[in-house]
Amino acid sequence: MPSDPASDHGLHVACIMDGNGRWAGRRGLPRTEGHTEGEENLARLVRVAVQRDIGFLTVFGFSTENWRRPRPEVRHILGLHEKLFGRVAELNELNVRIQWIGRPFDSSEARTPRYVQRAIRKAISDTADNTGMTLTVAFDYGGRSELVSAVEKAREDPDGITTDSISRHLYVPDLPPVDVLVRTSGERRVSNFLLWQAAGAAIYFTDAPWPDFDATELDAALALVPTP
């Protein structure tokens, strides 16, 4: 599933936003302060991405494995996602459409609290008419879980399990292939993120923790994408 930067959807940048806790630790702050700054930096980066005319920005907000973190930290992150999905006025100002990718709310394995579900649904509805960049937030998301779900549904297709049938049954079927995948904070792995969509992507690794990922870093990542 190779990436096609020349397609009409515009560039698709995906970010694994790692290093919030380490950013805070280096400053003698609680880990929660790092997550707060990470959410603020995402808001800043959305503005930069719009300026760069990026078509799709997808960010790894909370994985299926993150539920194992200490309960106070999880509660804080949940509150930040409620705040993120509540930035409707800002997103509308930027003409940004927001969407969500993750385990469906009606899944027996889904763990997204109802108040976050409400915030997600409202943000999607309130920005649905925007025609600029699409911001996709991965919450309660795991690439393996997505593929298992897609394959199970593809079994019932008339053509059986094929590349096309799996693609049709992904959580967000119209999410285009990733052109460049970003991983911050010195890690060199993809961590179960968009395994299908990022199969042909360039990968940009940086030592900068997510709160320090800025326009210069984004431009360095974009430089990895071949020009048509």
C-alpha atoms as a PDB file:
ATOM      1  CA  MET A   1       0.000   0.000   0.000  1.00  0.00           C
ATOM      2  CA  PRO A   2       2.585   2.571  -1.112  1.00  0.00           C
ATOM      3  CA  SER A   3       2.179   6.228  -0.314  1.00  0.00           C
ATOM      4  CA  ASP A   4       1.347   8.553  -3.173  1.00  0.00           C
ATOM      5  CA  PRO A   5       2.336  12.126  -2.313  1.00  0.00           C
ATOM      6  CA  ALA A   6       1.132  13.255  -5.729  1.00  0.00           C
ATOM      7  CA  SER A   7      -2.475  12.256  -5.022  1.00  0.00           C
ATOM      8  CA  ASP A   8      -5.154  14.888  -4.665  1.00  0.00           C
ATOM      9  CA  HIS A   9      -5.701  14.413  -0.930  1.00  0.00           C
ATOM     10  CA  GLY A  10      -2.616  16.448  -0.039  1.00  0.00           C
ATOM     11  CA  LEU A  11       0.162  15.241   2.207  1.00  0.00           C
ATOM     12  CA  HIS A  12      -0.727  12.977   5.113  1.00  0.00           C
ATOM     13  CA  VAL A  13       1.494  13.413   8.168  1.00  0.00           C
ATOM     14  CA  ALA A  14       1.096  11.049  11.119  1.00  0.00           C
ATOM     15  CA  CYS A  15       2.682  11.743  14.508  1.00  0.00           C
ATOM     16  CA  ILE A  16       3.468   9.497  17.471  1.00  0.00           C
ATOM     17  CA  MET A  17       3.548  12.196  20.136  1.00  0.00           C
ATOM     18  CA  ASP A  18       6.081  10.701  22.551  1.00  0.00           C
ATOM     19  CA  GLY A  19       8.117  12.229  25.361  1.00  0.00           C
ATOM     20  CA  ASN A  20       5.652  14.368  27.307  1.00  0.00           C
ATOM     21  CA  GLY A  21       6.584  12.714  30.603  1.00  0.00           C
ATOM     22  CA  ARG A  22      10.304  12.951  29.920  1.00  0.00           C
ATOM     23  CA  TRP A  23       9.941  16.606  28.955  1.00  0.00           C
ATOM     24  CA  ALA A  24       8.325  17.263  32.332  1.00  0.00           C
ATOM     25  CA  GLY A  25      10.828  15.139  34.256  1.00  0.00           C
ATOM     26  CA  ARG A  26      13.785  17.108  32.895  1.00  0.00           C
ATOM     27  CA  ARG A  27      12.163  20.242  34.288  1.00  0.00           C
ATOM     28  CA  GLY A  28      11.300  18.779  37.657  1.00  0.00           C
ATOM     29  CA  LEU A  29       7.582  18.865  36.841  1.00  0.00           C
ATOM     30  CA  PRO A  30       4.903  16.175  37.264  1.00  0.00           C
ATOM     31  CA  ARG A  31       4.263  13.981  34.218  1.00  0.00           C
ATOM     32  CA  THR A  32       0.791  15.493  33.949  1.00  0.00           C
ATOM     33  CA  GLU A  33       2.358  18.891  33.213  1.00  0.00           C
ATOM     34  CA  GLY A  34       4.149  17.303  30.280  1.00  0.00           C
ATOM     35  CA  HIS A  35       0.873  15.978  28.888  1.00  0.00           C
ATOM     36  CA  THR A  36      -0.707  19.409  29.291  1.00  0.00           C
ATOM     37  CA  GLU A  37       2.139  21.029  27.366  1.00  0.00           C
ATOM     38  CA  GLY A  38       1.881  18.292  24.745  1.00  0.00           C
ATOM     39  CA  GLU A  39      -1.766  19.135  24.129  1.00  0.00           C
ATOM     40  CA  GLU A  40      -0.886  22.827  23.832  1.00  0.00           C
ATOM     41  CA  ASN A  41       1.863  21.992  21.368  1.00  0.00           C
ATOM     42  CA  LEU A  42      -0.547  19.977  19.251  1.00  0.00           C
ATOM     43  CA  ALA A  43      -2.744  23.063  18.980  1.00  0.00           C
ATOM     44  CA  ARG A  44       0.314  25.043  17.863  1.00  0.00           C
ATOM     45  CA  LEU A  45       1.321  22.378  15.361  1.00  0.00           C
ATOM     46  CA  VAL A  46      -2.140  22.260  13.818  1.00  0.00           C
ATOM     47  CA  ARG A  47      -1.737  25.934  12.922  1.00  0.00           C
ATOM     48  CA  VAL A  48       1.686  25.244  11.382  1.00  0.00           C
ATOM     49  CA  ALA A  49       0.337  22.268   9.429  1.00  0.00           C
ATOM     50  CA  VAL A  50      -2.442  24.426   7.999  1.00  0.00           C
ATOM     51  CA  GLN A  51       0.166  26.976   6.910  1.00  0.00           C
ATOM     52  CA  ARG A  52       2.127  24.173   5.206  1.00  0.00           C
ATOM     53  CA  ASP A  53      -1.008  23.145   3.291  1.00  0.00           C
ATOM     54  CA  ILE A  54      -0.971  19.627   4.723  1.00  0.00           C
ATOM     55  CA  GLY A  55      -4.103  17.708   3.793  1.00  0.00           C
ATOM     56  CA  PHE A  56      -4.244  15.251   6.693  1.00  0.00           C
ATOM     57  CA  LEU A  57      -2.637  15.307  10.130  1.00  0.00           C
ATOM     58  CA  THR A  58      -3.167  12.191  12.243  1.00  0.00           C
ATOM     59  CA  VAL A  59      -1.915  12.028  15.826  1.00  0.00           C
ATOM     60  CA  PHE A  60      -1.616   9.162  18.293  1.00  0.00           C
ATOM     61  CA  GLY A  61      -3.449  10.547  21.299  1.00  0.00           C
ATOM     62  CA  PHE A  62      -4.090   7.437  23.414  1.00  0.00           C
ATOM     63  CA  SER A  63      -3.388   3.810  22.616  1.00  0.00           C
ATOM     64  CA  THR A  64      -5.185   0.661  23.696  1.00  0.00           C
ATOM     65  CA  GLU A  65      -2.139  -0.054  25.872  1.00  0.00           C
ATOM     66  CA  ASN A  66      -2.181   3.358  27.592  1.00  0.00           C
ATOM     67  CA  TRP A  67      -5.035   2.266  29.872  1.00  0.00           C
ATOM     68  CA  ARG A  68      -2.374   0.462  31.929  1.00  0.00           C
ATOM     69  CA  ARG A  69      -0.825   3.754  33.032  1.00  0.00           C
ATOM     70  CA  PRO A  70      -1.420   4.999  36.584  1.00  0.00           C
ATOM     71  CA  ARG A  71      -5.063   5.997  37.071  1.00  0.00           C
ATOM     72  CA  PRO A  72      -4.406   9.683  37.936  1.00  0.00           C
ATOM     73  CA  GLU A  73      -2.315  10.065  34.771  1.00  0.00           C
ATOM     74  CA  VAL A  74      -5.030   8.415  32.667  1.00  0.00           C
ATOM     75  CA  ARG A  75      -7.685  10.719  34.151  1.00  0.00           C
ATOM     76  CA  HIS A  76      -5.542  13.744  33.310  1.00  0.00           C
ATOM     77  CA  ILE A  77      -5.032  12.574  29.722  1.00  0.00           C
ATOM     78  CA  LEU A  78      -8.767  11.941  29.344  1.00  0.00           C
ATOM     79  CA  GLY A  79      -9.451  15.502  30.462  1.00  0.00           C
ATOM     80  CA  LEU A  80      -6.950  16.818  27.933  1.00  0.00           C
ATOM     81  CA  HIS A  81      -8.685  14.922  25.137  1.00  0.00           C
ATOM     82  CA  GLU A  82     -11.994  16.376  26.189  1.00  0.00           C
ATOM     83  CA  LYS A  83     -10.300  19.785  25.937  1.00  0.00           C
ATOM     84  CA  LEU A  84      -8.762  18.930  22.557  1.00  0.00           C
ATOM     85  CA  PHE A  85     -12.089  17.906  21.068  1.00  0.00           C
ATOM     86  CA  GLY A  86     -13.566  21.034  22.607  1.00  0.00           C
ATOM     87  CA  ARG A  87     -11.371  23.375  20.527  1.00  0.00           C
ATOM     88  CA  VAL A  88     -14.166  23.697  17.975  1.00  0.00           C
ATOM     89  CA  ALA A  89     -14.013  27.491  17.611  1.00  0.00           C
ATOM     90  CA  GLU A  90     -10.288  27.349  16.909  1.00  0.00           C
ATOM     91  CA  LEU A  91     -10.678  24.497  14.424  1.00  0.00           C
ATOM     92  CA  ASN A  92     -13.495  26.310  12.621  1.00  0.00           C
ATOM     93  CA  GLU A  93     -11.363  29.441  12.430  1.00  0.00           C
ATOM     94  CA  LEU A  94      -8.686  27.360  10.709  1.00  0.00           C
ATOM     95  CA  ASN A  95     -11.222  25.534   8.496  1.00  0.00           C
ATOM     96  CA  VAL A  96     -10.022  22.229   9.992  1.00  0.00           C
ATOM     97  CA  ARG A  97     -12.243  19.171  10.107  1.00  0.00           C
ATOM     98  CA  ILE A  98     -11.662  16.852  13.055  1.00  0.00           C
ATOM     99  CA  GLN A  99     -12.297  13.139  13.120  1.00  0.00           C
ATOM    100  CA  TRP A 100     -11.503  10.227  15.398  1.00  0.00           C
ATOM    101  CA  ILE A 101      -9.992   6.796  14.851  1.00  0.00           C
ATOM    102  CA  GLY A 102     -10.171   4.047  17.455  1.00  0.00           C
ATOM    103  CA  ARG A 103     -12.127   1.086  18.732  1.00  0.00           C
ATOM    104  CA  PRO A 104     -15.829   1.700  17.997  1.00  0.00           C
ATOM    105  CA  PHE A 105     -17.767   2.893  21.027  1.00  0.00           C
ATOM    106  CA  ASP A 106     -20.108  -0.091  20.766  1.00  0.00           C
ATOM    107  CA  SER A 107     -17.242  -2.604  20.814  1.00  0.00           C
ATOM    108  CA  SER A 108     -17.117  -4.902  23.826  1.00  0.00           C
ATOM    109  CA  GLU A 109     -13.469  -3.906  24.264  1.00  0.00           C
ATOM    110  CA  ALA A 110     -13.955  -0.137  23.983  1.00  0.00           C
ATOM    111  CA  ARG A 111     -13.083   1.855  27.105  1.00  0.00           C
ATOM    112  CA  THR A 112     -13.644   5.461  26.044  1.00  0.00           C
ATOM    113  CA  PRO A 113     -15.653   7.213  28.792  1.00  0.00           C
ATOM    114  CA  ARG A 114     -19.034   8.628  27.823  1.00  0.00           C
ATOM    115  CA  TYR A 115     -18.009  12.238  28.438  1.00  0.00           C
ATOM    116  CA  VAL A 116     -15.113  11.845  26.000  1.00  0.00           C
ATOM    117  CA  GLN A 117     -17.443  10.121  23.535  1.00  0.00           C
ATOM    118  CA  ARG A 118     -19.784  13.108  23.727  1.00  0.00           C
ATOM    119  CA  ALA A 119     -16.915  15.533  23.128  1.00  0.00           C
ATOM    120  CA  ILE A 120     -15.741  13.495  20.132  1.00  0.00           C
ATOM    121  CA  ARG A 121     -19.185  13.323  18.543  1.00  0.00           C
ATOM    122  CA  LYS A 122     -19.814  17.038  19.062  1.00  0.00           C
ATOM    123  CA  ALA A 123     -16.438  18.068  17.615  1.00  0.00           C
ATOM    124  CA  ILE A 124     -16.952  15.870  14.555  1.00  0.00           C
ATOM    125  CA  SER A 125     -20.429  17.323  14.008  1.00  0.00           C
ATOM    126  CA  ASP A 126     -19.411  20.943  14.612  1.00  0.00           C
ATOM    127  CA  THR A 127     -16.471  20.829  12.167  1.00  0.00           C
ATOM    128  CA  ALA A 128     -18.002  18.535   9.534  1.00  0.00           C
ATOM    129  CA  ASP A 129     -18.499  21.330   6.988  1.00  0.00           C
ATOM    130  CA  ASN A 130     -14.897  22.542   7.095  1.00  0.00           C
ATOM    131  CA  THR A 131     -13.011  21.974   3.861  1.00  0.00           C
ATOM    132  CA  GLY A 132      -9.395  22.459   4.889  1.00  0.00           C
ATOM    133  CA  MET A 133      -7.044  20.073   6.662  1.00  0.00           C
ATOM    134  CA  THR A 134      -8.424  16.962   8.366  1.00  0.00           C
ATOM    135  CA  LEU A 135      -7.126  16.387  11.893  1.00  0.00           C
ATOM    136  CA  THR A 136      -7.584  12.768  12.941  1.00  0.00           C
ATOM    137  CA  VAL A 137      -7.077  11.913  16.600  1.00  0.00           C
ATOM    138  CA  ALA A 138      -6.346   8.284  17.454  1.00  0.00           C
ATOM    139  CA  PHE A 139      -7.907   7.515  20.830  1.00  0.00           C
ATOM    140  CA  ASP A 140      -8.300   4.023  22.308  1.00  0.00           C
ATOM    141  CA  TYR A 141      -6.516   2.958  19.131  1.00  0.00           C
ATOM    142  CA  GLY A 142      -4.276   0.019  18.257  1.00  0.00           C
ATOM    143  CA  GLY A 143      -3.150  -0.916  14.774  1.00  0.00           C
ATOM    144  CA  ARG A 144      -3.375  -4.655  15.409  1.00  0.00           C
ATOM    145  CA  SER A 145      -6.903  -4.360  16.809  1.00  0.00           C
ATOM    146  CA  GLU A 146      -7.909  -2.354  13.750  1.00  0.00           C
ATOM    147  CA  LEU A 147      -6.572  -5.006  11.388  1.00  0.00           C
ATOM    148  CA  VAL A 148      -8.215  -7.874  13.276  1.00  0.00           C
ATOM    149  CA  SER A 149     -11.526  -6.011  13.112  1.00  0.00           C
ATOM    150  CA  ALA A 150     -11.111  -5.291   9.384  1.00  0.00           C
ATOM    151  CA  VAL A 151     -10.210  -8.889   8.521  1.00  0.00           C
ATOM    152  CA  GLU A 152     -13.156 -10.273  10.502  1.00  0.00           C
ATOM    153  CA  LYS A 153     -15.532  -8.012   8.560  1.00  0.00           C
ATOM    154  CA  ALA A 154     -13.787  -8.686   5.231  1.00  0.00           C
ATOM    155  CA  ARG A 155     -14.534 -12.396   5.604  1.00  0.00           C
ATOM    156  CA  GLU A 156     -18.179 -11.593   4.889  1.00  0.00           C
ATOM    157  CA  ASP A 157     -17.415  -9.699   1.674  1.00  0.00           C
ATOM    158  CA  PRO A 158     -18.387 -11.445  -1.592  1.00  0.00           C
ATOM    159  CA  ASP A 159     -14.748 -11.303  -2.706  1.00  0.00           C
ATOM    160  CA  GLY A 160     -13.430 -12.557   0.618  1.00  0.00           C
ATOM    161  CA  ILE A 161     -10.289 -11.237   2.263  1.00  0.00           C
ATOM    162  CA  THR A 162      -8.434  -8.998  -0.173  1.00  0.00           C
ATOM    163  CA  THR A 163      -6.428  -5.802   0.039  1.00  0.00           C
ATOM    164  CA  ASP A 164      -9.489  -3.838  -1.093  1.00  0.00           C
ATOM    165  CA  SER A 165     -11.908  -5.508   1.308  1.00  0.00           C
ATOM    166  CA  ILE A 166      -9.592  -4.960   4.276  1.00  0.00           C
ATOM    167  CA  SER A 167      -9.199  -1.303   3.299  1.00  0.00           C
ATOM    168  CA  ARG A 168     -12.971  -0.872   3.150  1.00  0.00           C
ATOM    169  CA  HIS A 169     -13.366  -2.164   6.707  1.00  0.00           C
ATOM    170  CA  LEU A 170     -10.683  -0.145   8.476  1.00  0.00           C
ATOM    171  CA  TYR A 171     -11.899   2.151  11.262  1.00  0.00           C
ATOM    172  CA  VAL A 172     -11.718   5.179   8.905  1.00  0.00           C
ATOM    173  CA  PRO A 173     -11.780   3.768   5.369  1.00  0.00           C
ATOM    174  CA  ASP A 174     -11.273   7.141   3.668  1.00  0.00           C
ATOM    175  CA  LEU A 175      -8.090   7.958   5.601  1.00  0.00           C
ATOM    176  CA  PRO A 176      -5.432   8.139   2.863  1.00  0.00           C
ATOM    177  CA  PRO A 177      -2.027   6.450   3.019  1.00  0.00           C
ATOM    178  CA  VAL A 178       0.505   8.148   5.284  1.00  0.00           C
ATOM    179  CA  ASP A 179       3.271  10.035   3.476  1.00  0.00           C
ATOM    180  CA  VAL A 180       5.528  10.592   6.477  1.00  0.00           C
ATOM    181  CA  LEU A 181       5.363   9.100   9.966  1.00  0.00           C
ATOM    182  CA  VAL A 182       6.904  11.139  12.796  1.00  0.00           C
ATOM    183  CA  ARG A 183       8.155   9.654  16.066  1.00  0.00           C
ATOM    184  CA  THR A 184       9.488  12.027  18.715  1.00  0.00           C
ATOM    185  CA  SER A 185      11.667  11.717  21.818  1.00  0.00           C
ATOM    186  CA  GLY A 186      14.393   9.466  20.476  1.00  0.00           C
ATOM    187  CA  GLU A 187      12.356   6.293  20.056  1.00  0.00           C
ATOM    188  CA  ARG A 188      12.946   4.246  16.898  1.00  0.00           C
ATOM    189  CA  ARG A 189       9.743   2.227  16.564  1.00  0.00           C
ATOM    190  CA  VAL A 190       6.216   2.626  15.197  1.00  0.00           C
ATOM    191  CA  SER A 191       4.370   1.355  18.302  1.00  0.00           C
ATOM    192  CA  ASN A 192       1.280  -0.248  16.743  1.00  0.00           C
ATOM    193  CA  PHE A 193       0.230   2.973  14.986  1.00  0.00           C
ATOM    194  CA  LEU A 194      -1.488   2.970  11.577  1.00  0.00           C
ATOM    195  CA  LEU A 195       0.214  -0.286  10.574  1.00  0.00           C
ATOM    196  CA  TRP A 196      -1.828  -0.580   7.367  1.00  0.00           C
ATOM    197  CA  GLN A 197      -1.968   3.088   6.387  1.00  0.00           C
ATOM    198  CA  ALA A 198       1.762   3.753   6.988  1.00  0.00           C
ATOM    199  CA  ALA A 199       3.070   0.723   5.104  1.00  0.00           C
ATOM    200  CA  GLY A 200       4.788   2.865   2.458  1.00  0.00           C
ATOM    201  CA  ALA A 201       5.537   5.963   4.519  1.00  0.00           C
ATOM    202  CA  ALA A 202       8.836   7.720   5.058  1.00  0.00           C
ATOM    203  CA  ILE A 203       9.737   7.754   8.765  1.00  0.00           C
ATOM    204  CA  TYR A 204      11.156  10.752  10.599  1.00  0.00           C
ATOM    205  CA  PHE A 205      12.717  10.061  13.985  1.00  0.00           C
ATOM    206  CA  THR A 206      13.745  12.971  16.193  1.00  0.00           C
ATOM    207  CA  ASP A 207      15.251  13.250  19.669  1.00  0.00           C
ATOM    208  CA  ALA A 208      12.990  16.213  20.443  1.00  0.00           C
ATOM    209  CA  PRO A 209      10.189  15.351  22.900  1.00  0.00           C
ATOM    210  CA  TRP A 210       6.708  16.116  21.623  1.00  0.00           C
ATOM    211  CA  PRO A 211       6.303  19.453  23.480  1.00  0.00           C
ATOM    212  CA  ASP A 212       9.414  20.705  21.630  1.00  0.00           C
ATOM    213  CA  PHE A 213       8.364  19.474  18.182  1.00  0.00           C
ATOM    214  CA  ASP A 214       7.996  22.664  16.175  1.00  0.00           C
ATOM    215  CA  ALA A 215       7.798  24.077  12.659  1.00  0.00           C
ATOM    216  CA  THR A 216      11.490  23.404  11.993  1.00  0.00           C
ATOM    217  CA  GLU A 217      11.067  19.752  12.953  1.00  0.00           C
ATOM    218  CA  LEU A 218       7.929  19.445  10.824  1.00  0.00           C
ATOM    219  CA  ASP A 219       9.717  20.910   7.825  1.00  0.00           C
ATOM    220  CA  ALA A 220      12.543  18.377   8.281  1.00  0.00           C
ATOM    221  CA  ALA A 221       9.973  15.581   8.269  1.00  0.00           C
ATOM    222  CA  LEU A 222       8.266  16.947   5.152  1.00  0.00           C
ATOM    223  CA  ALA A 223      11.636  17.064   3.394  1.00  0.00           C
ATOM    224  CA  LEU A 224      11.649  13.243   3.440  1.00  0.00           C
ATOM    225  CA  VAL A 225       8.594  13.055   1.186  1.00  0.00           C
ATOM    226  CA  PRO A 226       9.545  12.656  -2.487  1.00  0.00           C
ATOM    227  CA  THR A 227       8.300  15.430  -4.724  1.00  0.00           C
ATOM    228  CA  PRO A 228       6.020  14.337  -7.589  1.00  0.00           C
END
